[in-house]
């Protein structure tokens, strides 16, 4: 029983998942701090960045729509911060890295009739001859 548990814990994907959760939580704290401590105060230029006090009373019910506006604004700023400071730079880096790489072929030539066939084909659809199995990455 202990042996099986140890094997489960020491499998690569469990350890990688644990590391990803810890790094994700830390990254979330950094993004939240960036939004809360840098971006939100900059909204003070346009007026009060805190809408907690906004509410409307309908009968005996109080609708505190200011809290919703704060949550919505926070979400939009976190999404924008992640997009502009993480996603776009990483996409640009990946595009720059891929610029020099050759595209992966999707077809191959039949060894018998020389027609173009899908790279994964095991038999030519034109002449029905068996085809050698393509090596991954070849």
N, C-alpha and C. Protein backbone atom coordinates (compact mmCIF):
# COMPACT_ATOMS: atom_id res chain seq x y z
N UNK A 1 0.82 -1.18 0.00
CA UNK A 1 0.00 0.00 0.00
C UNK A 1 0.87 1.26 0.00
N UNK A 2 1.87 1.31 0.87
CA UNK A 2 2.78 2.46 0.92
C UNK A 2 3.60 2.54 -0.37
N UNK A 3 3.98 1.38 -0.91
CA UNK A 3 4.77 1.36 -2.14
C UNK A 3 3.97 1.99 -3.29
N UNK A 4 2.69 1.64 -3.42
CA UNK A 4 1.85 2.20 -4.48
C UNK A 4 1.67 3.70 -4.32
N UNK A 5 1.49 4.15 -3.07
CA UNK A 5 1.34 5.59 -2.82
C UNK A 5 2.62 6.32 -3.19
N UNK A 6 3.76 5.76 -2.82
CA UNK A 6 5.04 6.38 -3.14
C UNK A 6 5.24 6.48 -4.65
N UNK A 7 4.88 5.43 -5.38
CA UNK A 7 5.01 5.45 -6.84
C UNK A 7 4.08 6.51 -7.45
N UNK A 8 2.88 6.63 -6.89
CA UNK A 8 1.93 7.63 -7.37
C UNK A 8 2.48 9.03 -7.17
N UNK A 9 2.99 9.32 -5.98
CA UNK A 9 3.50 10.65 -5.65
C UNK A 9 4.73 10.99 -6.48
N UNK A 10 5.56 10.02 -6.75
CA UNK A 10 6.82 10.30 -7.44
C UNK A 10 6.69 10.25 -8.96
N UNK A 11 5.49 9.98 -9.48
CA UNK A 11 5.30 10.04 -10.93
C UNK A 11 5.50 11.48 -11.38
N UNK A 12 6.04 11.64 -12.55
CA UNK A 12 6.37 12.98 -13.05
C UNK A 12 5.20 13.92 -13.12
N UNK A 13 4.03 13.46 -13.59
CA UNK A 13 2.92 14.38 -13.79
C UNK A 13 2.36 14.90 -12.47
N UNK A 14 2.42 14.14 -11.39
CA UNK A 14 1.92 14.61 -10.09
C UNK A 14 2.83 15.72 -9.57
N UNK A 15 4.14 15.49 -9.66
CA UNK A 15 5.10 16.49 -9.20
C UNK A 15 5.00 17.75 -10.06
N UNK A 16 4.89 17.59 -11.37
CA UNK A 16 4.76 18.75 -12.27
C UNK A 16 3.49 19.53 -11.97
N UNK A 17 2.40 18.83 -11.69
CA UNK A 17 1.15 19.51 -11.36
C UNK A 17 1.29 20.30 -10.06
N UNK A 18 1.94 19.72 -9.07
CA UNK A 18 2.14 20.42 -7.80
C UNK A 18 2.97 21.68 -8.00
N UNK A 19 4.02 21.57 -8.80
CA UNK A 19 4.86 22.73 -9.08
C UNK A 19 4.06 23.79 -9.83
N UNK A 20 3.23 23.37 -10.79
CA UNK A 20 2.42 24.31 -11.55
C UNK A 20 1.42 25.04 -10.66
N UNK A 21 0.83 24.34 -9.70
CA UNK A 21 -0.13 24.97 -8.79
C UNK A 21 0.57 26.02 -7.93
N UNK A 22 1.73 25.68 -7.39
CA UNK A 22 2.47 26.63 -6.54
C UNK A 22 2.90 27.85 -7.35
N UNK A 23 3.45 27.63 -8.53
CA UNK A 23 3.88 28.75 -9.36
C UNK A 23 2.67 29.57 -9.81
N UNK A 24 1.57 28.91 -10.14
CA UNK A 24 0.35 29.62 -10.54
C UNK A 24 -0.18 30.50 -9.42
N UNK A 25 -0.16 29.98 -8.20
CA UNK A 25 -0.63 30.78 -7.06
C UNK A 25 0.28 31.99 -6.84
N UNK A 26 1.58 31.79 -6.94
CA UNK A 26 2.51 32.90 -6.78
C UNK A 26 2.34 33.92 -7.89
N UNK A 27 2.17 33.45 -9.11
CA UNK A 27 1.97 34.36 -10.24
C UNK A 27 0.67 35.13 -10.07
N UNK A 28 -0.37 34.46 -9.59
CA UNK A 28 -1.64 35.13 -9.33
C UNK A 28 -1.49 36.24 -8.32
N UNK A 29 -0.68 36.01 -7.29
CA UNK A 29 -0.44 37.04 -6.28
C UNK A 29 0.29 38.24 -6.89
N UNK A 30 1.24 37.98 -7.78
CA UNK A 30 1.97 39.06 -8.44
C UNK A 30 1.04 39.88 -9.32
N UNK A 31 0.20 39.21 -10.11
CA UNK A 31 -0.73 39.92 -10.99
C UNK A 31 -1.73 40.72 -10.17
N UNK A 32 -2.26 40.12 -9.12
CA UNK A 32 -3.22 40.82 -8.26
C UNK A 32 -2.58 42.06 -7.63
N UNK A 33 -1.35 41.93 -7.16
CA UNK A 33 -0.65 43.07 -6.58
C UNK A 33 -0.42 44.16 -7.63
N UNK A 34 -0.06 43.76 -8.83
CA UNK A 34 0.15 44.73 -9.91
C UNK A 34 -1.13 45.52 -10.18
N UNK A 35 -2.24 44.80 -10.25
CA UNK A 35 -3.52 45.47 -10.53
C UNK A 35 -3.94 46.34 -9.35
N UNK A 36 -3.87 45.78 -8.14
CA UNK A 36 -4.34 46.49 -6.95
C UNK A 36 -3.46 47.68 -6.60
N UNK A 37 -2.16 47.50 -6.68
CA UNK A 37 -1.24 48.52 -6.20
C UNK A 37 -0.75 49.49 -7.26
N UNK A 38 -0.89 49.13 -8.53
CA UNK A 38 -0.38 50.02 -9.59
C UNK A 38 -1.49 50.50 -10.52
N UNK A 39 -2.24 49.55 -11.10
CA UNK A 39 -3.25 49.97 -12.08
C UNK A 39 -4.46 50.65 -11.45
N UNK A 40 -5.00 50.08 -10.36
CA UNK A 40 -6.19 50.67 -9.74
C UNK A 40 -5.95 52.09 -9.24
N UNK A 41 -4.83 52.38 -8.56
CA UNK A 41 -4.61 53.77 -8.16
C UNK A 41 -4.51 54.74 -9.34
N UNK A 42 -4.05 54.25 -10.48
CA UNK A 42 -3.99 55.12 -11.66
C UNK A 42 -5.38 55.52 -12.13
N UNK A 43 -6.39 54.73 -11.80
CA UNK A 43 -7.77 55.10 -12.15
C UNK A 43 -8.23 56.32 -11.36
N UNK A 44 -7.54 56.64 -10.29
CA UNK A 44 -7.85 57.83 -9.51
C UNK A 44 -7.72 59.10 -10.31
N UNK A 45 -6.99 59.03 -11.41
CA UNK A 45 -6.85 60.18 -12.31
C UNK A 45 -8.23 60.58 -12.85
N UNK A 46 -9.08 59.58 -13.11
CA UNK A 46 -10.40 59.82 -13.68
C UNK A 46 -11.48 59.98 -12.62
N UNK A 47 -11.14 59.86 -11.37
CA UNK A 47 -12.12 59.92 -10.28
C UNK A 47 -11.81 58.84 -9.27
N UNK A 48 -12.74 58.55 -8.42
CA UNK A 48 -12.53 57.55 -7.38
C UNK A 48 -12.44 56.14 -7.97
N UNK A 49 -11.35 55.39 -7.69
CA UNK A 49 -11.23 54.04 -8.22
C UNK A 49 -12.00 53.02 -7.39
N UNK A 50 -12.65 53.43 -6.30
CA UNK A 50 -13.35 52.51 -5.44
C UNK A 50 -14.85 52.83 -5.48
N UNK A 51 -15.64 51.85 -5.88
CA UNK A 51 -17.08 52.05 -6.02
C UNK A 51 -17.88 51.33 -4.94
N UNK A 52 -17.24 50.96 -3.83
CA UNK A 52 -17.91 50.20 -2.76
C UNK A 52 -19.17 50.88 -2.25
N UNK A 53 -19.18 52.17 -2.19
CA UNK A 53 -20.29 52.91 -1.58
C UNK A 53 -21.51 53.06 -2.51
N UNK A 54 -21.36 52.76 -3.78
CA UNK A 54 -22.47 52.94 -4.71
C UNK A 54 -23.55 51.90 -4.46
N UNK A 55 -24.76 52.36 -4.25
CA UNK A 55 -25.90 51.46 -4.00
C UNK A 55 -27.18 52.19 -4.33
N UNK A 56 -28.23 51.43 -4.54
CA UNK A 56 -29.55 51.99 -4.76
C UNK A 56 -30.53 51.19 -3.89
N UNK A 57 -31.47 51.89 -3.30
CA UNK A 57 -32.45 51.23 -2.44
C UNK A 57 -33.77 51.13 -3.19
N UNK A 58 -34.26 49.91 -3.27
CA UNK A 58 -35.54 49.64 -3.93
C UNK A 58 -36.44 49.00 -2.88
N UNK A 59 -37.38 49.77 -2.38
CA UNK A 59 -38.21 49.27 -1.29
C UNK A 59 -37.36 49.09 -0.05
N UNK A 60 -37.34 47.87 0.48
CA UNK A 60 -36.51 47.57 1.65
C UNK A 60 -35.18 46.93 1.26
N UNK A 61 -34.97 46.67 -0.02
CA UNK A 61 -33.75 46.03 -0.50
C UNK A 61 -32.72 47.07 -0.93
N UNK A 62 -31.48 46.81 -0.59
CA UNK A 62 -30.38 47.66 -1.02
C UNK A 62 -29.54 46.90 -2.04
N UNK A 63 -29.47 47.43 -3.23
CA UNK A 63 -28.67 46.82 -4.30
C UNK A 63 -27.33 47.54 -4.33
N UNK A 64 -26.27 46.83 -3.95
CA UNK A 64 -24.93 47.43 -3.89
C UNK A 64 -24.19 47.14 -5.19
N UNK A 65 -24.56 47.84 -6.22
CA UNK A 65 -23.97 47.62 -7.54
C UNK A 65 -22.52 48.08 -7.60
N UNK A 66 -22.08 48.89 -6.65
CA UNK A 66 -20.69 49.33 -6.62
C UNK A 66 -19.73 48.18 -6.41
N UNK A 67 -20.12 47.20 -5.60
CA UNK A 67 -19.27 46.02 -5.39
C UNK A 67 -19.11 45.23 -6.69
N UNK A 68 -20.21 45.13 -7.44
CA UNK A 68 -20.14 44.46 -8.75
C UNK A 68 -19.22 45.22 -9.69
N UNK A 69 -19.33 46.55 -9.71
CA UNK A 69 -18.46 47.35 -10.58
C UNK A 69 -16.99 47.15 -10.19
N UNK A 70 -16.70 47.11 -8.88
CA UNK A 70 -15.31 46.86 -8.45
C UNK A 70 -14.82 45.50 -8.94
N UNK A 71 -15.66 44.46 -8.79
CA UNK A 71 -15.26 43.12 -9.22
C UNK A 71 -15.06 43.08 -10.73
N UNK A 72 -15.96 43.71 -11.47
CA UNK A 72 -15.85 43.74 -12.93
C UNK A 72 -14.60 44.49 -13.37
N UNK A 73 -14.35 45.63 -12.77
CA UNK A 73 -13.17 46.42 -13.10
C UNK A 73 -11.89 45.66 -12.77
N UNK A 74 -11.88 45.00 -11.63
CA UNK A 74 -10.72 44.21 -11.23
C UNK A 74 -10.47 43.08 -12.22
N UNK A 75 -11.53 42.38 -12.61
CA UNK A 75 -11.40 41.31 -13.59
C UNK A 75 -10.83 41.83 -14.91
N UNK A 76 -11.37 42.92 -15.40
CA UNK A 76 -10.91 43.48 -16.67
C UNK A 76 -9.45 43.91 -16.60
N UNK A 77 -9.06 44.48 -15.47
CA UNK A 77 -7.66 44.92 -15.34
C UNK A 77 -6.71 43.72 -15.22
N UNK A 78 -7.12 42.67 -14.50
CA UNK A 78 -6.29 41.47 -14.42
C UNK A 78 -6.16 40.83 -15.80
N UNK A 79 -7.27 40.71 -16.51
CA UNK A 79 -7.23 40.13 -17.86
C UNK A 79 -6.34 40.95 -18.79
N UNK A 80 -6.46 42.28 -18.73
CA UNK A 80 -5.64 43.14 -19.58
C UNK A 80 -4.16 43.03 -19.20
N UNK A 81 -3.87 43.00 -17.91
CA UNK A 81 -2.48 42.88 -17.47
C UNK A 81 -1.88 41.57 -17.94
N UNK A 82 -2.61 40.48 -17.81
CA UNK A 82 -2.10 39.18 -18.27
C UNK A 82 -1.91 39.19 -19.78
N UNK A 83 -2.88 39.75 -20.50
CA UNK A 83 -2.77 39.76 -21.96
C UNK A 83 -1.59 40.61 -22.44
N UNK A 84 -1.50 41.84 -21.94
CA UNK A 84 -0.48 42.75 -22.46
C UNK A 84 0.92 42.48 -21.92
N UNK A 85 1.03 41.92 -20.71
CA UNK A 85 2.35 41.73 -20.12
C UNK A 85 2.82 40.29 -20.11
N UNK A 86 1.94 39.33 -20.46
CA UNK A 86 2.36 37.93 -20.50
C UNK A 86 2.08 37.31 -21.86
N UNK A 87 0.82 37.32 -22.29
CA UNK A 87 0.43 36.60 -23.51
C UNK A 87 1.08 37.21 -24.75
N UNK A 88 0.95 38.52 -24.94
CA UNK A 88 1.53 39.14 -26.15
C UNK A 88 3.04 38.98 -26.22
N UNK A 89 3.79 39.25 -25.13
CA UNK A 89 5.24 39.05 -25.22
C UNK A 89 5.62 37.59 -25.50
N UNK A 90 4.92 36.64 -24.87
CA UNK A 90 5.24 35.23 -25.12
C UNK A 90 4.87 34.83 -26.55
N UNK A 91 3.76 35.33 -27.07
CA UNK A 91 3.40 35.04 -28.47
C UNK A 91 4.44 35.62 -29.43
N UNK A 92 4.91 36.83 -29.15
CA UNK A 92 5.93 37.45 -30.00
C UNK A 92 7.23 36.65 -29.93
N UNK A 93 7.58 36.20 -28.74
CA UNK A 93 8.80 35.39 -28.57
C UNK A 93 8.67 34.08 -29.32
N UNK A 94 7.52 33.43 -29.22
CA UNK A 94 7.30 32.17 -29.93
C UNK A 94 7.31 32.37 -31.44
N UNK A 95 6.70 33.46 -31.92
CA UNK A 95 6.71 33.75 -33.36
C UNK A 95 8.13 33.98 -33.86
N UNK A 96 8.93 34.68 -33.06
CA UNK A 96 10.33 34.92 -33.43
C UNK A 96 11.10 33.61 -33.46
N UNK A 97 10.81 32.73 -32.49
CA UNK A 97 11.49 31.44 -32.42
C UNK A 97 11.08 30.55 -33.60
N UNK A 98 9.80 30.60 -33.99
CA UNK A 98 9.30 29.77 -35.08
C UNK A 98 9.69 30.30 -36.45
N UNK A 99 10.11 31.56 -36.55
CA UNK A 99 10.42 32.16 -37.84
C UNK A 99 11.53 31.40 -38.56
N UNK A 100 12.48 30.88 -37.83
CA UNK A 100 13.60 30.17 -38.44
C UNK A 100 13.33 28.70 -38.65
N UNK A 101 12.28 28.15 -38.07
CA UNK A 101 12.00 26.72 -38.18
C UNK A 101 11.27 26.40 -39.47
N UNK A 102 11.57 25.22 -40.01
CA UNK A 102 10.87 24.77 -41.21
C UNK A 102 9.49 24.27 -40.81
N UNK A 103 8.48 24.50 -41.67
CA UNK A 103 7.15 23.99 -41.35
C UNK A 103 7.12 22.46 -41.37
N UNK A 104 6.31 21.87 -40.52
CA UNK A 104 6.18 20.42 -40.46
C UNK A 104 5.41 19.94 -41.69
N UNK A 105 5.95 18.97 -42.43
CA UNK A 105 5.25 18.50 -43.62
C UNK A 105 3.96 17.76 -43.25
N UNK A 106 2.94 17.91 -44.09
CA UNK A 106 1.66 17.24 -43.86
C UNK A 106 1.38 16.17 -44.92
N UNK A 107 2.20 16.15 -45.97
CA UNK A 107 2.02 15.15 -47.02
C UNK A 107 3.35 14.48 -47.34
N UNK A 108 3.25 13.35 -48.01
CA UNK A 108 4.43 12.64 -48.50
C UNK A 108 4.12 12.14 -49.90
N UNK A 109 5.13 11.66 -50.60
CA UNK A 109 4.95 11.17 -51.96
C UNK A 109 4.86 9.65 -51.92
N UNK A 110 3.87 9.10 -52.61
CA UNK A 110 3.70 7.65 -52.70
C UNK A 110 4.94 7.05 -53.37
N UNK A 111 5.41 5.93 -52.84
CA UNK A 111 6.62 5.30 -53.38
C UNK A 111 6.37 4.62 -54.73
N UNK A 112 5.09 4.36 -55.06
CA UNK A 112 4.77 3.67 -56.32
C UNK A 112 4.29 4.63 -57.41
N UNK A 113 3.25 5.45 -57.11
CA UNK A 113 2.64 6.27 -58.16
C UNK A 113 3.03 7.75 -58.06
N UNK A 114 3.82 8.11 -57.09
CA UNK A 114 4.34 9.46 -56.83
C UNK A 114 3.25 10.52 -56.60
N UNK A 115 2.03 10.11 -56.18
CA UNK A 115 1.02 11.12 -55.83
C UNK A 115 1.25 11.58 -54.40
N UNK A 116 0.74 12.78 -54.14
CA UNK A 116 0.84 13.36 -52.79
C UNK A 116 -0.25 12.75 -51.92
N UNK A 117 0.16 12.20 -50.77
CA UNK A 117 -0.78 11.58 -49.84
C UNK A 117 -0.52 12.10 -48.44
N UNK A 118 -1.49 12.00 -47.54
CA UNK A 118 -1.27 12.46 -46.17
C UNK A 118 -0.10 11.73 -45.53
N UNK A 119 0.62 12.41 -44.69
CA UNK A 119 1.83 11.85 -44.09
C UNK A 119 1.54 10.62 -43.23
N UNK A 120 0.35 10.53 -42.65
CA UNK A 120 0.01 9.41 -41.78
C UNK A 120 -0.54 8.21 -42.55
N UNK A 121 -0.71 8.34 -43.87
CA UNK A 121 -1.30 7.26 -44.66
C UNK A 121 -0.41 6.03 -44.65
N UNK A 122 -1.07 4.86 -44.48
CA UNK A 122 -0.34 3.59 -44.52
C UNK A 122 -0.52 2.90 -45.87
N UNK A 123 -1.48 3.43 -46.64
CA UNK A 123 -1.74 2.88 -47.97
C UNK A 123 -2.12 4.05 -48.87
N UNK A 124 -1.63 4.05 -50.07
CA UNK A 124 -1.92 5.13 -51.03
C UNK A 124 -3.37 5.02 -51.50
N UNK A 125 -4.15 6.12 -51.44
CA UNK A 125 -5.54 6.05 -51.90
C UNK A 125 -5.65 5.99 -53.43
N UNK A 126 -4.56 6.31 -54.14
CA UNK A 126 -4.60 6.30 -55.60
C UNK A 126 -4.29 4.91 -56.17
N UNK A 127 -3.19 4.32 -55.69
CA UNK A 127 -2.77 3.03 -56.24
C UNK A 127 -2.90 1.88 -55.24
N UNK A 128 -3.29 2.16 -54.03
CA UNK A 128 -3.51 1.20 -52.93
C UNK A 128 -2.26 0.45 -52.48
N UNK A 129 -1.10 0.95 -52.83
CA UNK A 129 0.13 0.31 -52.39
C UNK A 129 0.43 0.65 -50.93
N UNK A 130 0.90 -0.32 -50.13
CA UNK A 130 1.29 -0.02 -48.75
C UNK A 130 2.44 0.99 -48.73
N UNK A 131 2.42 1.84 -47.73
CA UNK A 131 3.43 2.90 -47.62
C UNK A 131 4.24 2.69 -46.34
N UNK A 132 5.50 3.08 -46.38
CA UNK A 132 6.28 3.00 -45.14
C UNK A 132 5.71 3.97 -44.10
N UNK A 133 5.74 3.57 -42.85
CA UNK A 133 5.24 4.41 -41.78
C UNK A 133 6.21 5.56 -41.56
N UNK A 134 5.68 6.78 -41.54
CA UNK A 134 6.51 7.96 -41.36
C UNK A 134 6.99 8.05 -39.91
N UNK A 135 8.24 8.36 -39.75
CA UNK A 135 8.81 8.55 -38.41
C UNK A 135 8.33 9.88 -37.85
N UNK A 136 7.97 9.97 -36.55
CA UNK A 136 7.57 11.25 -35.98
C UNK A 136 8.70 12.27 -36.09
N UNK A 137 8.37 13.44 -36.58
CA UNK A 137 9.36 14.52 -36.70
C UNK A 137 10.22 14.39 -37.94
N UNK A 138 9.99 13.34 -38.75
CA UNK A 138 10.81 13.17 -39.96
C UNK A 138 10.18 13.85 -41.14
